[in-house]
Amino acid sequence: MNVKSLTEFKHELDATLDSVSDGDDTVIINRPDNKDIVLISLKTYNSLQETLYLMSSAKNKERLDNAINDISLGINLVERELIP
């Protein structure tokens, strides 16, 4: 994660945008009056949105937590072949 002033961000606009979009970097842009901005890639944003959606239901969160626990313990696993 990088922190830049608004002036730095303006001077390094293209490089900063490339860094965020190409490397999944996160940039915080400090602005006056505590109006700071967080700049993330669309890929990162979509991932966050998906996680929020999956965790928005208590029942779904419980099912995901149980599945992760089962995997870590090596139980209830079913191996399947991928369809080409």
Protein backbone atom coordinates (compact mmCIF):
# COMPACT_ATOMS: atom_id res chain seq x y z
CA MET A 1 0.00 0.00 0.00
CA ASN A 2 1.28 3.42 -0.96
CA VAL A 3 0.30 6.77 0.45
CA LYS A 4 0.56 9.82 -1.79
CA SER A 5 -0.33 13.43 -1.45
CA LEU A 6 -2.74 14.84 -3.98
CA THR A 7 0.15 16.71 -5.60
CA GLU A 8 2.25 13.53 -5.88
CA PHE A 9 -0.71 11.68 -7.33
CA LYS A 10 -1.28 14.37 -9.97
CA HIS A 11 2.40 14.34 -10.99
CA GLU A 12 2.57 10.54 -11.10
CA LEU A 13 -0.92 9.85 -12.42
CA ASP A 14 -0.11 7.41 -15.23
CA ALA A 15 2.50 5.48 -13.25
CA THR A 16 0.22 5.25 -10.22
CA LEU A 17 -2.75 4.04 -12.25
CA ASP A 18 -0.55 1.44 -13.97
CA SER A 19 0.80 0.30 -10.61
CA VAL A 20 -2.71 -0.16 -9.25
CA SER A 21 -4.18 -1.86 -12.30
CA ASP A 22 -1.18 -4.05 -13.15
CA GLY A 23 0.04 -5.06 -9.72
CA ASP A 24 -3.07 -4.95 -7.56
CA ASP A 25 -1.43 -2.17 -5.55
CA THR A 26 -3.54 0.00 -3.26
CA VAL A 27 -2.91 3.73 -3.06
CA ILE A 28 -4.23 6.13 -0.46
CA ILE A 29 -4.42 9.68 -1.73
CA ASN A 30 -4.28 12.26 1.05
CA ARG A 31 -6.53 15.23 0.37
CA PRO A 32 -7.33 18.32 2.40
CA ASP A 33 -10.04 18.25 5.07
CA ASN A 34 -9.79 14.46 5.62
CA LYS A 35 -11.31 13.72 2.23
CA ASP A 36 -8.79 10.94 1.55
CA ILE A 37 -9.37 8.46 -1.26
CA VAL A 38 -8.41 4.80 -1.63
CA LEU A 39 -7.53 3.74 -5.17
CA ILE A 40 -7.85 0.03 -5.99
CA SER A 41 -8.09 -1.99 -9.19
CA LEU A 42 -11.42 -3.17 -10.57
CA LYS A 43 -10.26 -6.75 -9.94
CA THR A 44 -9.68 -5.98 -6.24
CA TYR A 45 -12.98 -4.10 -5.98
CA ASN A 46 -14.91 -6.99 -7.53
CA SER A 47 -13.21 -9.43 -5.17
CA LEU A 48 -14.18 -7.31 -2.16
CA GLN A 49 -17.78 -7.05 -3.39
CA GLU A 50 -17.99 -10.82 -3.86
CA THR A 51 -16.62 -11.44 -0.36
CA LEU A 52 -19.09 -8.98 1.14
CA TYR A 53 -21.93 -10.70 -0.70
CA LEU A 54 -20.88 -14.19 0.38
CA MET A 55 -20.53 -13.10 4.00
CA SER A 56 -23.75 -11.05 4.10
CA SER A 57 -25.84 -14.08 5.05
CA ALA A 58 -25.09 -15.66 8.44
CA LYS A 59 -26.08 -19.10 7.11
CA ASN A 60 -23.83 -18.81 4.05
CA LYS A 61 -20.93 -17.59 6.21
CA GLU A 62 -21.43 -20.59 8.50
CA ARG A 63 -21.43 -22.99 5.52
CA LEU A 64 -18.25 -21.43 4.11
CA ASP A 65 -16.52 -21.52 7.52
CA ASN A 66 -17.49 -25.19 7.92
CA ALA A 67 -16.20 -26.03 4.44
CA ILE A 68 -12.87 -24.30 5.15
CA ASN A 69 -12.62 -26.17 8.44
CA ASP A 70 -13.38 -29.51 6.72
CA ILE A 71 -10.70 -28.86 4.12
CA SER A 72 -8.12 -28.02 6.77
CA LEU A 73 -8.99 -31.26 8.61
CA GLY A 74 -9.11 -33.29 5.40
CA ILE A 75 -12.68 -34.50 5.95
CA ASN A 76 -15.77 -34.53 3.73
CA LEU A 77 -13.64 -34.09 0.61
CA VAL A 78 -14.88 -35.27 -2.77
CA GLU A 79 -12.47 -35.40 -5.69
CA ARG A 80 -13.96 -34.83 -9.13
CA GLU A 81 -12.56 -34.57 -12.61
CA LEU A 82 -12.95 -31.30 -14.44
CA ILE A 83 -15.09 -31.28 -17.55
CA PRO A 84 -12.91 -30.24 -20.50
